[in-house]
Each structure stands twice: as C-alpha cells, then as structure tokens.
C-alpha atoms as a PDB file:
ATOM      1  CA  UNK A   1      -0.556  -7.090  -8.664  1.00  0.00           C
ATOM      2  CA  UNK A   2      -3.646  -5.519  -8.977  1.00  0.00           C
ATOM      3  CA  UNK A   3      -5.391  -4.530  -6.020  1.00  0.00           C
ATOM      4  CA  UNK A   4      -7.320  -1.096  -7.508  1.00  0.00           C
ATOM      5  CA  UNK A   5     -10.195   0.015  -9.391  1.00  0.00           C
ATOM      6  CA  UNK A   6     -10.450   3.440  -9.004  1.00  0.00           C
ATOM      7  CA  UNK A   7      -7.397   5.576 -11.149  1.00  0.00           C
ATOM      8  CA  UNK A   8      -5.382   7.901  -8.672  1.00  0.00           C
ATOM      9  CA  UNK A   9      -6.602  10.520 -10.971  1.00  0.00           C
ATOM     10  CA  UNK A  10     -10.366  10.192  -9.946  1.00  0.00           C
ATOM     11  CA  UNK A  11      -9.053   9.097  -6.320  1.00  0.00           C
ATOM     12  CA  UNK A  12      -7.156  12.581  -6.124  1.00  0.00           C
ATOM     13  CA  UNK A  13     -11.202  13.973  -7.636  1.00  0.00           C
ATOM     14  CA  UNK A  14     -13.359  12.076  -5.144  1.00  0.00           C
ATOM     15  CA  UNK A  15     -11.134  14.231  -2.290  1.00  0.00           C
ATOM     16  CA  UNK A  16     -11.027  16.890  -3.692  1.00  0.00           C
ATOM     17  CA  UNK A  17     -15.376  17.585  -3.297  1.00  0.00           C
ATOM     18  CA  UNK A  18     -15.301  15.491  -0.500  1.00  0.00           C
ATOM     19  CA  UNK A  19     -13.043  17.625   1.785  1.00  0.00           C
ATOM     20  CA  UNK A  20     -11.677  20.655   3.365  1.00  0.00           C
ATOM     21  CA  UNK A  21      -8.779  22.686   0.886  1.00  0.00           C
ATOM     22  CA  UNK A  22      -6.679  22.424   3.757  1.00  0.00           C
ATOM     23  CA  UNK A  23      -7.608  18.769   4.431  1.00  0.00           C
ATOM     24  CA  UNK A  24      -6.379  17.976   0.660  1.00  0.00           C
ATOM     25  CA  UNK A  25      -3.102  19.804   0.953  1.00  0.00           C
ATOM     26  CA  UNK A  26      -2.323  18.208   3.611  1.00  0.00           C
ATOM     27  CA  UNK A  27      -3.223  15.036   2.214  1.00  0.00           C
ATOM     28  CA  UNK A  28      -1.032  15.492  -1.144  1.00  0.00           C
ATOM     29  CA  UNK A  29       1.625  16.467   1.568  1.00  0.00           C
ATOM     30  CA  UNK A  30       1.467  13.019   2.862  1.00  0.00           C
ATOM     31  CA  UNK A  31       1.335  11.202  -0.267  1.00  0.00           C
ATOM     32  CA  UNK A  32       4.420  12.844  -1.506  1.00  0.00           C
ATOM     33  CA  UNK A  33       6.401  12.966   1.756  1.00  0.00           C
ATOM     34  CA  UNK A  34       5.329   9.075   1.799  1.00  0.00           C
ATOM     35  CA  UNK A  35       5.966   8.231  -1.431  1.00  0.00           C
ATOM     36  CA  UNK A  36      10.425  10.247  -0.959  1.00  0.00           C
ATOM     37  CA  UNK A  37       9.928   7.357   2.751  1.00  0.00           C
ATOM     38  CA  UNK A  38       9.028   4.396   0.562  1.00  0.00           C
ATOM     39  CA  UNK A  39      11.502   5.010  -1.917  1.00  0.00           C
ATOM     40  CA  UNK A  40      15.028   5.409   1.441  1.00  0.00           C
ATOM     41  CA  UNK A  41      13.254   2.511   2.553  1.00  0.00           C
ATOM     42  CA  UNK A  42      12.178   0.357   0.771  1.00  0.00           C
ATOM     43  CA  UNK A  43       8.645  -0.023   0.064  1.00  0.00           C
ATOM     44  CA  UNK A  44       6.473  -0.210  -2.492  1.00  0.00           C
ATOM     45  CA  UNK A  45       6.081   3.719  -3.722  1.00  0.00           C
ATOM     46  CA  UNK A  46       2.839   3.746  -5.384  1.00  0.00           C
ATOM     47  CA  UNK A  47       1.068   1.899  -2.474  1.00  0.00           C
ATOM     48  CA  UNK A  48       2.376   4.196  -0.220  1.00  0.00           C
ATOM     49  CA  UNK A  49       0.967   7.369  -2.852  1.00  0.00           C
ATOM     50  CA  UNK A  50      -2.287   5.790  -2.875  1.00  0.00           C
ATOM     51  CA  UNK A  51      -2.420   5.514   1.630  1.00  0.00           C
ATOM     52  CA  UNK A  52      -0.701   9.197   1.481  1.00  0.00           C
ATOM     53  CA  UNK A  53      -3.664  10.108  -0.591  1.00  0.00           C
ATOM     54  CA  UNK A  54      -6.413   8.429   1.858  1.00  0.00           C
ATOM     55  CA  UNK A  55      -5.098   8.462   4.699  1.00  0.00           C
ATOM     56  CA  UNK A  56      -7.775  11.389   6.242  1.00  0.00           C
ATOM     57  CA  UNK A  57     -10.593  10.324   3.296  1.00  0.00           C
ATOM     58  CA  UNK A  58     -12.594  10.078   6.512  1.00  0.00           C
ATOM     59  CA  UNK A  59     -11.061  12.371   9.049  1.00  0.00           C
ATOM     60  CA  UNK A  60     -14.221  15.480   8.350  1.00  0.00           C
ATOM     61  CA  UNK A  61     -17.123  12.898   8.377  1.00  0.00           C
ATOM     62  CA  UNK A  62     -19.285  13.246  11.268  1.00  0.00           C
ATOM     63  CA  UNK A  63     -18.390  10.634  14.627  1.00  0.00           C
ATOM     64  CA  UNK A  64     -21.818   9.271  13.683  1.00  0.00           C
ATOM     65  CA  UNK A  65     -20.738   8.799   9.988  1.00  0.00           C
ATOM     66  CA  UNK A  66     -17.576   6.617  10.922  1.00  0.00           C
ATOM     67  CA  UNK A  67     -20.011   5.017  13.685  1.00  0.00           C
ATOM     68  CA  UNK A  68     -22.331   4.026  10.946  1.00  0.00           C
ATOM     69  CA  UNK A  69     -19.562   3.237   8.498  1.00  0.00           C
ATOM     70  CA  UNK A  70     -17.431   0.773  10.696  1.00  0.00           C
ATOM     71  CA  UNK A  71     -21.420  -0.672  11.780  1.00  0.00           C
ATOM     72  CA  UNK A  72     -22.211  -1.610   8.791  1.00  0.00           C
ATOM     73  CA  UNK A  73     -18.673  -3.140   8.268  1.00  0.00           C
ATOM     74  CA  UNK A  74     -18.932  -5.196  11.033  1.00  0.00           C
ATOM     75  CA  UNK A  75     -15.685  -3.592  12.485  1.00  0.00           C
ATOM     76  CA  UNK A  76     -15.786  -4.188  16.423  1.00  0.00           C
ATOM     77  CA  UNK A  77     -14.066  -1.600  18.036  1.00  0.00           C
ATOM     78  CA  UNK A  78     -14.053  -0.097  22.274  1.00  0.00           C
ATOM     79  CA  UNK A  79     -15.810   2.652  23.690  1.00  0.00           C
ATOM     80  CA  UNK A  80     -13.266   4.720  23.165  1.00  0.00           C
ATOM     81  CA  UNK A  81     -12.552   4.926  19.979  1.00  0.00           C
ATOM     82  CA  UNK A  82     -15.928   4.961  18.873  1.00  0.00           C
ATOM     83  CA  UNK A  83     -16.726   8.030  20.553  1.00  0.00           C
ATOM     84  CA  UNK A  84     -13.617   9.938  19.160  1.00  0.00           C
ATOM     85  CA  UNK A  85     -13.490  11.509  15.783  1.00  0.00           C
ATOM     86  CA  UNK A  86      -9.362  11.704  15.959  1.00  0.00           C
ATOM     87  CA  UNK A  87      -9.666   7.838  16.504  1.00  0.00           C
ATOM     88  CA  UNK A  88     -12.063   6.536  14.357  1.00  0.00           C
ATOM     89  CA  UNK A  89     -11.381   8.656  11.228  1.00  0.00           C
ATOM     90  CA  UNK A  90      -8.842   5.794  10.847  1.00  0.00           C
ATOM     91  CA  UNK A  91     -10.795   3.110  10.617  1.00  0.00           C
ATOM     92  CA  UNK A  92     -13.444   4.575   8.859  1.00  0.00           C
ATOM     93  CA  UNK A  93     -11.190   5.807   6.014  1.00  0.00           C
ATOM     94  CA  UNK A  94      -9.643   1.904   6.169  1.00  0.00           C
ATOM     95  CA  UNK A  95     -13.145   0.882   4.887  1.00  0.00           C
ATOM     96  CA  UNK A  96     -13.952   3.579   2.575  1.00  0.00           C
ATOM     97  CA  UNK A  97     -10.149   2.690   0.902  1.00  0.00           C
ATOM     98  CA  UNK A  98     -12.166  -0.269  -0.107  1.00  0.00           C
ATOM     99  CA  UNK A  99     -15.678  -0.011  -0.332  1.00  0.00           C
ATOM    100  CA  UNK A 100     -15.221   3.525  -1.752  1.00  0.00           C
ATOM    101  CA  UNK A 101     -11.989   3.472  -4.075  1.00  0.00           C
ATOM    102  CA  UNK A 102     -11.905  -0.348  -4.590  1.00  0.00           C
ATOM    103  CA  UNK A 103      -8.271  -1.044  -3.327  1.00  0.00           C
ATOM    104  CA  UNK A 104      -8.470  -4.574  -1.635  1.00  0.00           C
ATOM    105  CA  UNK A 105      -5.074  -4.706  -0.148  1.00  0.00           C
ATOM    106  CA  UNK A 106      -4.967  -4.925   2.974  1.00  0.00           C
ATOM    107  CA  UNK A 107      -1.729  -3.355   3.543  1.00  0.00           C
ATOM    108  CA  UNK A 108      -2.848  -0.109   2.213  1.00  0.00           C
ATOM    109  CA  UNK A 109      -6.337  -0.518   4.586  1.00  0.00           C
ATOM    110  CA  UNK A 110      -3.826  -1.369   8.098  1.00  0.00           C
ATOM    111  CA  UNK A 111      -1.885   2.382   7.093  1.00  0.00           C
ATOM    112  CA  UNK A 112      -4.717   3.920   6.676  1.00  0.00           C
ATOM    113  CA  UNK A 113      -6.230   1.987   9.792  1.00  0.00           C
ATOM    114  CA  UNK A 114      -3.075   2.097  11.966  1.00  0.00           C
ATOM    115  CA  UNK A 115      -1.902   5.972  11.527  1.00  0.00           C
ATOM    116  CA  UNK A 116      -3.123   7.846  14.445  1.00  0.00           C
ATOM    117  CA  UNK A 117      -2.398   5.207  17.205  1.00  0.00           C
ATOM    118  CA  UNK A 118       0.271   2.934  16.447  1.00  0.00           C
ATOM    119  CA  UNK A 119       0.014  -0.381  17.485  1.00  0.00           C
ATOM    120  CA  UNK A 120       2.794  -3.152  18.353  1.00  0.00           C
ATOM    121  CA  UNK A 121       4.587  -4.579  15.486  1.00  0.00           C
ATOM    122  CA  UNK A 122       3.765  -2.218  12.893  1.00  0.00           C
ATOM    123  CA  UNK A 123       4.620  -2.792   9.150  1.00  0.00           C
ATOM    124  CA  UNK A 124       6.726  -0.642   6.950  1.00  0.00           C
ATOM    125  CA  UNK A 125       4.115   0.690   4.628  1.00  0.00           C
ATOM    126  CA  UNK A 126       2.286   1.836   8.519  1.00  0.00           C
ATOM    127  CA  UNK A 127       5.354   3.134  10.060  1.00  0.00           C
ATOM    128  CA  UNK A 128       6.212   5.625   6.646  1.00  0.00           C
ATOM    129  CA  UNK A 129       2.104   6.286   6.794  1.00  0.00           C
ATOM    130  CA  UNK A 130       2.117   7.168  10.464  1.00  0.00           C
ATOM    131  CA  UNK A 131       5.143   9.525   9.778  1.00  0.00           C
ATOM    132  CA  UNK A 132       4.607  11.013   6.504  1.00  0.00           C
ATOM    133  CA  UNK A 133       1.391  12.269   8.776  1.00  0.00           C
ATOM    134  CA  UNK A 134       3.190  13.762  10.991  1.00  0.00           C
ATOM    135  CA  UNK A 135       6.931  15.105   8.941  1.00  0.00           C
ATOM    136  CA  UNK A 136       4.803  16.543   5.832  1.00  0.00           C
ATOM    137  CA  UNK A 137       5.410  20.741   5.484  1.00  0.00           C
ATOM    138  CA  UNK A 138       2.703  22.309   6.597  1.00  0.00           C
ATOM    139  CA  UNK A 139       2.976  20.395   9.689  1.00  0.00           C
ATOM    140  CA  UNK A 140       4.965  23.131  12.038  1.00  0.00           C
ATOM    141  CA  UNK A 141       4.854  21.861  15.699  1.00  0.00           C
ATOM    142  CA  UNK A 142       7.455  21.371  19.033  1.00  0.00           C
ATOM    143  CA  UNK A 143       9.780  18.722  17.792  1.00  0.00           C
ATOM    144  CA  UNK A 144       8.850  18.808  14.554  1.00  0.00           C
ATOM    145  CA  UNK A 145      11.760  18.916  12.812  1.00  0.00           C
ATOM    146  CA  UNK A 146      13.370  16.313  15.517  1.00  0.00           C
ATOM    147  CA  UNK A 147      11.394  13.569  13.848  1.00  0.00           C
ATOM    148  CA  UNK A 148      12.521  14.835  10.075  1.00  0.00           C
ATOM    149  CA  UNK A 149      16.046  14.883  10.993  1.00  0.00           C
ATOM    150  CA  UNK A 150      15.557  11.636  13.029  1.00  0.00           C
ATOM    151  CA  UNK A 151      12.906   9.891  10.004  1.00  0.00           C
ATOM    152  CA  UNK A 152      15.471  10.735   7.065  1.00  0.00           C
ATOM    153  CA  UNK A 153      18.769   8.835   8.908  1.00  0.00           C
ATOM    154  CA  UNK A 154      16.339   5.891  10.957  1.00  0.00           C
ATOM    155  CA  UNK A 155      12.860   5.245   9.690  1.00  0.00           C
ATOM    156  CA  UNK A 156      12.468   3.683  13.710  1.00  0.00           C
ATOM    157  CA  UNK A 157      14.675   6.293  15.353  1.00  0.00           C
ATOM    158  CA  UNK A 158      11.783   9.121  13.455  1.00  0.00           C
ATOM    159  CA  UNK A 159       9.101   7.112  15.290  1.00  0.00           C
ATOM    160  CA  UNK A 160      10.414   6.620  18.154  1.00  0.00           C
ATOM    161  CA  UNK A 161      10.776  10.406  18.086  1.00  0.00           C
ATOM    162  CA  UNK A 162       7.561  10.553  17.502  1.00  0.00           C
ATOM    163  CA  UNK A 163       5.482   8.448  19.443  1.00  0.00           C
ATOM    164  CA  UNK A 164       7.562  10.392  22.232  1.00  0.00           C
ATOM    165  CA  UNK A 165       6.328  13.613  20.973  1.00  0.00           C
ATOM    166  CA  UNK A 166       2.202  12.357  20.823  1.00  0.00           C
ATOM    167  CA  UNK A 167       2.508  11.018  24.408  1.00  0.00           C
ATOM    168  CA  UNK A 168       4.203  14.715  26.128  1.00  0.00           C
ATOM    169  CA  UNK A 169       1.250  16.133  24.246  1.00  0.00           C
ATOM    170  CA  UNK A 170      -1.260  13.970  25.439  1.00  0.00           C
ATOM    171  CA  UNK A 171       0.167  13.983  28.383  1.00  0.00           C
ATOM    172  CA  UNK A 172       0.776  17.493  28.877  1.00  0.00           C
ATOM    173  CA  UNK A 173      -3.021  17.890  27.842  1.00  0.00           C
ATOM    174  CA  UNK A 174      -4.426  15.383  30.668  1.00  0.00           C
ATOM    175  CA  UNK A 175      -6.342  13.708  27.571  1.00  0.00           C
ATOM    176  CA  UNK A 176      -6.387  10.342  27.910  1.00  0.00           C
ATOM    177  CA  UNK A 177      -2.949   7.742  25.998  1.00  0.00           C
ATOM    178  CA  UNK A 178      -5.115   5.724  23.493  1.00  0.00           C
ATOM    179  CA  UNK A 179      -3.618   1.715  23.876  1.00  0.00           C
ATOM    180  CA  UNK A 180      -2.555   0.814  21.128  1.00  0.00           C
ATOM    181  CA  UNK A 181      -0.329   4.224  21.157  1.00  0.00           C
ATOM    182  CA  UNK A 182       1.149   3.092  24.790  1.00  0.00           C
ATOM    183  CA  UNK A 183       1.770   0.065  23.320  1.00  0.00           C
ATOM    184  CA  UNK A 184       3.078   0.102  20.466  1.00  0.00           C
ATOM    185  CA  UNK A 185       5.786   2.872  21.996  1.00  0.00           C
ATOM    186  CA  UNK A 186       6.857  -0.395  24.223  1.00  0.00           C
ATOM    187  CA  UNK A 187       6.877  -2.599  21.530  1.00  0.00           C
ATOM    188  CA  UNK A 188       9.013  -0.678  19.113  1.00  0.00           C
ATOM    189  CA  UNK A 189      11.868  -0.150  22.112  1.00  0.00           C
ATOM    190  CA  UNK A 190      11.638  -3.255  22.926  1.00  0.00           C
ATOM    191  CA  UNK A 191      12.066  -3.867  18.765  1.00  0.00           C
ATOM    192  CA  UNK A 192      15.259  -1.854  18.110  1.00  0.00           C
ATOM    193  CA  UNK A 193      16.854  -3.069  21.593  1.00  0.00           C
ATOM    194  CA  UNK A 194      17.503  -6.876  19.488  1.00  0.00           C
END
C-alpha cells in the first residue's frame, strides 16, 4: 500500500532542519521504540517507525502557527486544545504529516494526532506511538521504568500505567486533565475487564 510521497531520509533531513537537536534525537528514539513495539505486537513496523519520526514535527512551532495549521485545514477543536501548545502539537502534526510529508495514511495521522492525549478505543498503532513517546531511552521521570517493564509484557498494561502516570502528574501540579486522557483511561479499563 503506497501512502508516502516523501522518502524517509528526506523526512529526516527536513526534521533535522526544523527541530532542535534534542527534539530530533527524541524523534529518532521514539521511531526506534515504535519499531520494536510494532514487531513485538504485530503492527506494521514501517508505519510505526514513520509515525515515531513525525509525531513531534509540530512540537516546536509557535502556538499561533499551530492554530493556523488546524484552522486552515478546517479542524474543529475545543478552546482548551486550541490554547495549549502541549495538546495542539498532536493535531497540528497529523495535518503536517499529510500536507508537508505527503502521508495520506489515516492510521499514521491518527497515531500522531492522539500521541499526547490518548483516547477511547485506541488502535494498535495509536497505543504504540503513545507508549514509544513515553518509554524512549532518554525519558527519565519517576515511574518510567515501570511503564517500560509493563509495556514489554503487555501493551495495555503499559498503557494503563502511562495513563495513570500522566493523570497523577497533572493532579500533583493542579493541572487540567484533558477529557480524552480521562475517558481513554476509563475505556481501557473496561476493555481490559472483558
């Protein structure tokens, strides 16, 4: 299935120009972690690696640039998403995947879109990118080793621990918990009980 107009090495060159050295290294590590998880859990390795490379392509844009990208594309988002660079870079990046890099694969776009928030009924690729972003080797925060261990054994177990870590961190900092993160966690628990 052909879904890529730009070669991976050209995407990597473009990202190297657009991202800080640290963000580029992070993207390379997420791509590798996603590739490993895809092979372990039966997802398409090329799609996982590609989504890993591109997941943060909009991360270092100004908020106004992200807002323009989603507005020009006609994406309808709530005000909380629109006013947060941390949240908006996923949707903006999913649009850049198509408009800048020529990726018309909806699975890859969706994995990039939801890699920060998660959501109910996540696809296999969405789970892989969400977790690869969490567990890449340079990540160093309390609880990351547990997420890595759980993810090696069971993708959903890793995802639940990652959701819990995110929600705990936000609670500790008296920060807003975005609806998709909350409902994504609850949906995952219901799925795991079946």
